[in-house]
Structures are given as C-alpha cells and as structure tokens.
N, C-alpha and C. Protein backbone atom coordinates (compact mmCIF):
# COMPACT_ATOMS: atom_id res chain seq x y z
N UNK A 1 -0.27 -24.69 1.05
CA UNK A 1 -0.06 -23.37 0.75
C UNK A 1 0.56 -23.78 -0.87
N UNK A 2 0.18 -22.95 -1.94
CA UNK A 2 0.91 -23.15 -3.10
C UNK A 2 1.55 -21.99 -3.68
N UNK A 3 2.36 -22.07 -4.70
CA UNK A 3 2.76 -21.01 -5.45
C UNK A 3 2.01 -20.24 -6.26
N UNK A 4 2.12 -18.96 -6.33
CA UNK A 4 1.12 -18.17 -7.02
C UNK A 4 1.94 -17.07 -7.76
N UNK A 5 1.74 -17.17 -9.24
CA UNK A 5 2.49 -16.20 -10.02
C UNK A 5 1.62 -15.24 -10.77
N UNK A 6 1.78 -13.87 -10.86
CA UNK A 6 1.09 -13.07 -11.44
C UNK A 6 1.93 -11.95 -12.26
N UNK A 7 1.38 -11.23 -13.00
CA UNK A 7 2.27 -10.24 -13.59
C UNK A 7 1.12 -9.19 -13.40
N UNK A 8 1.80 -7.85 -12.80
CA UNK A 8 1.13 -6.59 -12.67
C UNK A 8 0.06 -6.00 -13.76
N UNK A 9 0.91 -6.46 -14.91
CA UNK A 9 0.17 -5.61 -16.12
C UNK A 9 -1.16 -6.61 -16.43
N UNK A 10 -1.55 -7.76 -16.00
CA UNK A 10 -2.40 -8.60 -16.24
C UNK A 10 -3.58 -8.32 -15.31
N UNK A 11 -3.30 -7.57 -14.20
CA UNK A 11 -4.09 -7.31 -13.15
C UNK A 11 -5.11 -5.93 -13.54
N UNK A 12 -6.31 -5.62 -13.01
CA UNK A 12 -7.06 -4.75 -13.23
C UNK A 12 -6.92 -3.70 -12.23
N UNK A 13 -6.89 -2.34 -12.53
CA UNK A 13 -7.09 -1.31 -11.26
C UNK A 13 -8.45 -1.29 -10.92
N UNK A 14 -8.47 -1.19 -9.34
CA UNK A 14 -10.04 -1.11 -8.78
C UNK A 14 -9.94 0.17 -8.08
N UNK A 15 -10.95 0.17 -7.49
CA UNK A 15 -11.08 1.37 -6.52
C UNK A 15 -10.54 1.08 -5.06
N UNK A 16 -9.61 2.03 -4.57
CA UNK A 16 -9.01 1.59 -3.54
C UNK A 16 -9.38 2.20 -2.21
N UNK A 17 -8.91 1.92 -0.93
CA UNK A 17 -9.65 2.16 0.41
C UNK A 17 -9.82 3.63 0.59
N UNK A 18 -9.47 4.65 -0.31
CA UNK A 18 -9.57 6.11 -0.08
C UNK A 18 -9.90 7.06 -1.53
N UNK A 19 -10.77 7.89 -1.18
CA UNK A 19 -11.23 8.40 -2.80
C UNK A 19 -10.06 8.65 -3.63
N UNK A 20 -10.21 8.37 -5.20
CA UNK A 20 -9.52 8.38 -5.98
C UNK A 20 -8.05 7.69 -6.13
N UNK A 21 -8.06 6.98 -5.16
CA UNK A 21 -7.02 5.96 -5.12
C UNK A 21 -7.28 4.66 -5.76
N UNK A 22 -6.45 4.16 -6.61
CA UNK A 22 -6.62 2.98 -7.29
C UNK A 22 -5.53 1.50 -6.69
N UNK A 23 -6.06 0.73 -7.01
CA UNK A 23 -5.13 -0.45 -6.78
C UNK A 23 -5.15 -1.56 -7.53
N UNK A 24 -4.19 -2.55 -7.61
CA UNK A 24 -4.20 -3.75 -8.37
C UNK A 24 -3.76 -4.59 -7.07
N UNK A 25 -4.73 -5.78 -6.91
CA UNK A 25 -4.48 -6.63 -5.84
C UNK A 25 -3.97 -8.02 -6.32
N UNK A 26 -2.91 -8.33 -5.89
CA UNK A 26 -2.23 -9.52 -6.35
C UNK A 26 -2.85 -10.82 -5.81
N UNK A 27 -3.20 -11.70 -6.73
CA UNK A 27 -3.79 -13.10 -6.09
C UNK A 27 -3.08 -13.63 -4.95
N UNK A 28 -4.03 -14.24 -4.02
CA UNK A 28 -3.30 -14.79 -2.83
C UNK A 28 -4.20 -16.17 -2.45
N UNK A 29 -3.79 -16.66 -1.53
CA UNK A 29 -4.66 -17.61 -0.80
C UNK A 29 -5.52 -17.01 0.46
N UNK A 30 -6.61 -16.92 0.46
CA UNK A 30 -7.30 -15.96 1.31
C UNK A 30 -7.05 -16.43 2.69
N UNK A 31 -6.66 -17.80 3.04
CA UNK A 31 -6.51 -18.15 4.40
C UNK A 31 -4.94 -17.76 4.77
N UNK A 32 -4.30 -17.74 3.86
CA UNK A 32 -2.90 -17.46 4.36
C UNK A 32 -2.69 -16.17 5.19
N UNK A 33 -3.64 -15.40 5.34
CA UNK A 33 -3.42 -14.08 6.03
C UNK A 33 -2.41 -13.14 5.28
N UNK A 34 -1.90 -13.33 4.07
CA UNK A 34 -0.86 -12.48 3.54
C UNK A 34 -1.49 -12.04 2.29
N UNK A 35 -1.33 -10.79 2.05
CA UNK A 35 -1.72 -10.42 0.44
C UNK A 35 -0.99 -8.96 0.17
N UNK A 36 -1.05 -8.88 -1.24
CA UNK A 36 0.01 -7.98 -1.62
C UNK A 36 -1.00 -6.90 -2.55
N UNK A 37 -0.81 -5.62 -2.73
CA UNK A 37 -1.48 -4.77 -3.42
C UNK A 37 -0.41 -3.63 -4.14
N UNK A 38 -0.65 -3.21 -5.14
CA UNK A 38 -0.21 -2.02 -5.77
C UNK A 38 -0.98 -0.76 -5.95
N UNK A 39 -0.70 -0.01 -5.03
CA UNK A 39 -1.24 1.48 -4.68
C UNK A 39 -0.97 2.29 -5.43
N UNK A 40 -1.88 3.13 -6.20
CA UNK A 40 -1.49 4.31 -6.93
C UNK A 40 -2.09 5.54 -6.37
N UNK A 41 -1.36 6.22 -5.72
CA UNK A 41 -1.86 7.41 -5.02
C UNK A 41 -1.78 8.61 -5.89
N UNK A 42 -2.82 9.43 -6.40
CA UNK A 42 -2.85 10.26 -7.36
C UNK A 42 -2.23 11.81 -6.89
N UNK A 43 -1.81 12.81 -7.52
CA UNK A 43 -1.28 13.99 -6.79
C UNK A 43 -2.51 14.28 -6.03
N UNK A 44 -2.04 15.30 -4.76
CA UNK A 44 -3.19 15.60 -3.93
C UNK A 44 -4.12 14.84 -2.83
N UNK A 45 -3.80 13.37 -3.16
CA UNK A 45 -4.64 12.69 -2.54
C UNK A 45 -3.95 12.59 -1.09
N UNK A 46 -4.93 12.55 -0.04
CA UNK A 46 -4.90 12.10 1.50
C UNK A 46 -5.56 10.72 1.96
N UNK A 47 -4.43 9.87 2.38
CA UNK A 47 -4.87 8.69 3.43
C UNK A 47 -5.12 9.23 4.66
N UNK A 48 -6.16 8.86 5.21
CA UNK A 48 -6.46 9.35 6.51
C UNK A 48 -5.51 8.50 7.57
N UNK A 49 -5.45 8.74 8.77
CA UNK A 49 -4.72 8.25 9.99
C UNK A 49 -5.61 6.91 10.22
N UNK A 50 -5.26 5.79 10.60
CA UNK A 50 -6.08 4.82 10.86
C UNK A 50 -5.18 3.47 11.62
N UNK A 51 -5.94 2.76 12.01
CA UNK A 51 -5.39 1.85 12.79
C UNK A 51 -4.94 0.68 12.03
N UNK A 52 -3.79 -0.15 12.03
CA UNK A 52 -3.59 -1.35 11.06
C UNK A 52 -3.62 -2.48 11.70
N UNK A 53 -4.75 -3.23 11.49
CA UNK A 53 -5.20 -4.68 11.89
C UNK A 53 -3.97 -5.85 11.50
N UNK A 54 -3.15 -5.69 10.48
CA UNK A 54 -2.38 -6.61 10.18
C UNK A 54 -1.04 -5.76 10.18
N UNK A 55 0.22 -6.69 10.11
CA UNK A 55 1.57 -6.01 9.87
C UNK A 55 1.47 -5.59 8.51
N UNK A 56 2.19 -4.62 8.17
CA UNK A 56 2.32 -3.90 7.08
C UNK A 56 3.72 -3.43 6.53
N UNK A 57 4.03 -3.83 5.40
CA UNK A 57 5.11 -3.37 4.88
C UNK A 57 4.70 -2.61 3.49
N UNK A 58 5.26 -1.32 3.38
CA UNK A 58 5.32 -0.97 2.00
C UNK A 58 6.61 -0.28 1.58
N UNK A 59 6.77 -0.27 0.07
CA UNK A 59 7.73 0.13 -0.48
C UNK A 59 7.38 1.25 -1.57
N UNK A 60 8.17 2.52 -1.76
CA UNK A 60 7.81 3.28 -2.54
C UNK A 60 8.50 3.09 -3.75
N UNK A 61 7.71 2.81 -4.98
CA UNK A 61 8.25 2.39 -6.27
C UNK A 61 8.74 3.58 -6.76
N UNK A 62 7.68 4.74 -6.75
CA UNK A 62 7.84 6.04 -7.66
C UNK A 62 7.19 6.96 -7.03
N UNK A 63 7.63 8.32 -7.06
CA UNK A 63 7.09 9.48 -6.48
C UNK A 63 7.38 9.81 -5.09
N UNK A 64 6.66 10.38 -4.50
CA UNK A 64 6.83 10.92 -3.00
C UNK A 64 5.55 10.75 -2.18
N UNK A 65 5.70 10.63 -0.93
CA UNK A 65 4.47 10.93 0.22
C UNK A 65 5.03 11.27 1.42
N UNK A 66 4.22 12.13 1.76
CA UNK A 66 4.61 12.60 3.30
C UNK A 66 3.71 11.61 4.40
N UNK A 67 4.36 11.27 5.11
CA UNK A 67 4.05 10.21 6.27
C UNK A 67 3.98 10.86 7.64
N UNK A 68 2.90 11.44 8.19
CA UNK A 68 3.15 12.00 9.46
C UNK A 68 3.91 13.12 9.61
N UNK A 69 3.80 13.90 8.36
CA UNK A 69 4.66 15.36 8.23
C UNK A 69 5.93 15.29 7.59
N UNK A 70 6.28 13.98 7.43
CA UNK A 70 7.88 13.89 7.00
C UNK A 70 7.64 13.05 5.43
N UNK A 71 8.66 14.01 4.60
CA UNK A 71 8.69 13.50 3.04
C UNK A 71 9.58 12.30 3.07
N UNK A 72 8.84 11.32 2.27
CA UNK A 72 9.69 10.25 1.61
C UNK A 72 9.55 9.80 0.17
N UNK A 73 10.63 9.44 -0.21
CA UNK A 73 10.55 9.02 -1.87
C UNK A 73 10.89 7.67 -2.48
N UNK A 74 11.19 7.67 -3.42
CA UNK A 74 11.37 6.20 -4.02
C UNK A 74 12.60 5.55 -3.50
N UNK A 75 12.24 4.11 -3.15
CA UNK A 75 13.15 3.36 -2.53
C UNK A 75 12.92 3.13 -1.07
N UNK A 76 11.91 4.09 -0.33
CA UNK A 76 11.85 3.91 0.96
C UNK A 76 11.01 2.82 1.37
N UNK A 77 11.67 1.99 2.39
CA UNK A 77 10.74 0.77 2.99
C UNK A 77 9.95 1.40 4.38
N UNK A 78 8.60 1.14 4.45
CA UNK A 78 8.12 1.39 5.67
C UNK A 78 7.35 0.30 6.42
N UNK A 79 7.68 -0.12 7.65
CA UNK A 79 6.77 -1.33 8.24
C UNK A 79 6.11 -0.75 9.63
N UNK A 80 4.96 -1.42 9.58
CA UNK A 80 4.00 -0.72 10.53
C UNK A 80 3.52 -2.18 11.42
N UNK A 81 3.93 -2.51 12.59
CA UNK A 81 3.10 -3.47 13.13
C UNK A 81 1.94 -3.42 13.36
N UNK A 82 1.06 -4.82 13.53
CA UNK A 82 -0.17 -4.88 13.47
C UNK A 82 -0.84 -4.25 14.89
N UNK A 83 -1.88 -3.33 14.84
CA UNK A 83 -2.41 -2.88 16.04
C UNK A 83 -1.91 -1.33 16.38
N UNK A 84 -1.02 -0.96 15.52
CA UNK A 84 -0.34 0.31 15.58
C UNK A 84 -1.34 1.45 14.69
N UNK A 85 -1.67 2.51 15.15
CA UNK A 85 -1.99 3.29 14.19
C UNK A 85 -0.86 4.30 13.48
N UNK A 86 -1.19 4.49 12.14
CA UNK A 86 -0.51 5.45 11.41
C UNK A 86 -1.00 6.07 10.44
N UNK A 87 -0.33 7.14 9.78
CA UNK A 87 -0.83 8.15 8.77
C UNK A 87 -0.99 9.62 9.62
N UNK A 88 -1.39 10.49 8.94
CA UNK A 88 -1.93 10.48 7.75
C UNK A 88 -0.89 10.59 6.81
N UNK A 89 -1.39 10.23 5.44
CA UNK A 89 -0.21 9.96 4.29
C UNK A 89 -0.93 10.99 3.45
N UNK A 90 -0.03 11.90 2.75
CA UNK A 90 -0.46 12.93 1.67
C UNK A 90 0.67 12.94 0.65
N UNK A 91 0.27 12.73 -0.45
CA UNK A 91 1.17 12.91 -1.56
C UNK A 91 0.86 14.08 -2.64
N UNK A 92 1.76 15.23 -2.82
CA UNK A 92 1.70 16.45 -3.65
C UNK A 92 1.66 15.81 -5.09
N UNK A 93 2.72 14.80 -5.44
CA UNK A 93 2.88 14.69 -6.90
C UNK A 93 2.48 13.32 -7.34
N UNK A 94 1.96 12.49 -6.35
CA UNK A 94 1.39 11.25 -6.54
C UNK A 94 2.45 10.14 -6.35
N UNK A 95 2.16 9.07 -6.16
CA UNK A 95 3.20 7.78 -5.87
C UNK A 95 2.59 6.67 -6.04
N UNK A 96 3.65 5.29 -6.41
CA UNK A 96 3.20 4.32 -6.68
C UNK A 96 3.75 3.45 -5.58
N UNK A 97 2.91 2.66 -4.83
CA UNK A 97 3.54 1.91 -3.62
C UNK A 97 3.30 0.53 -3.73
N UNK A 98 4.12 -0.48 -3.47
CA UNK A 98 3.82 -1.84 -3.44
C UNK A 98 3.74 -2.20 -1.75
N UNK A 99 2.57 -2.68 -1.29
CA UNK A 99 2.18 -2.85 -0.15
C UNK A 99 1.73 -4.30 0.13
N UNK A 100 2.56 -5.08 1.20
CA UNK A 100 1.95 -6.27 1.69
C UNK A 100 1.55 -6.26 3.22
N UNK A 101 0.61 -7.07 3.25
CA UNK A 101 -0.05 -7.22 4.68
C UNK A 101 0.07 -8.48 5.16
N UNK A 102 0.39 -8.91 6.39
CA UNK A 102 0.59 -10.17 6.92
C UNK A 102 -0.02 -10.21 8.08
N UNK A 103 -0.37 -11.50 8.77
CA UNK A 103 -0.83 -11.67 10.14
C UNK A 103 0.31 -12.14 11.01
N UNK A 104 1.31 -13.12 10.41
CA UNK A 104 2.21 -13.41 11.27
C UNK A 104 3.67 -12.94 11.06
C-alpha cells in the first residue's frame, strides 16, 4: 500500500448515489477496501434506507441531517457497522458530509 495525497479543491463533483446528491471521490487503492467521499446533500434531499455492505463512518462538516427521525448537525460523528441497515436520511437545509467506508 502507498500513501495518497489529494486536495478536495482539485476533485470534480460527480453524481452521487441518490437524486441531486453530488460527491467528490478521494483517490484510493482499489484493493485496499477503504475509500472516502465528500457528499453534498442539497436542501430537501432524502437518502433512502439501505443495507450497508462495508463499515461506514461519516462526519457532518456543514449543515444538518435527520437520521431515522433524529436531527444531527455540524461536528456529528456517525458509525454504521457492515451488514447493518440505516436510514432514511433527510436534510431540509442541506449538508456536507465526509464519508469513509472500509472492510476491516
């Protein structure tokens, strides 16, 4: 495995896994089983409940999001173990989230 450096300003926004959600994917080694994305959730967006195949950590950088009916804001850390279902996620004002997924 090698070190990888990236500046988020140099990454392009691409379509995310849900309508109107955008993301920047940080470079990683595919075989490592670990990757990070910056997720831009616009106001009014909903991310449906889903099963999480990998361990997932996310950190809310900006804005707020409702997770399973409870509101969370900037500075919130959230962990979901692999194989667990989570969501729905709803953001009335929009939010920016750093998400890291890993298998080990």
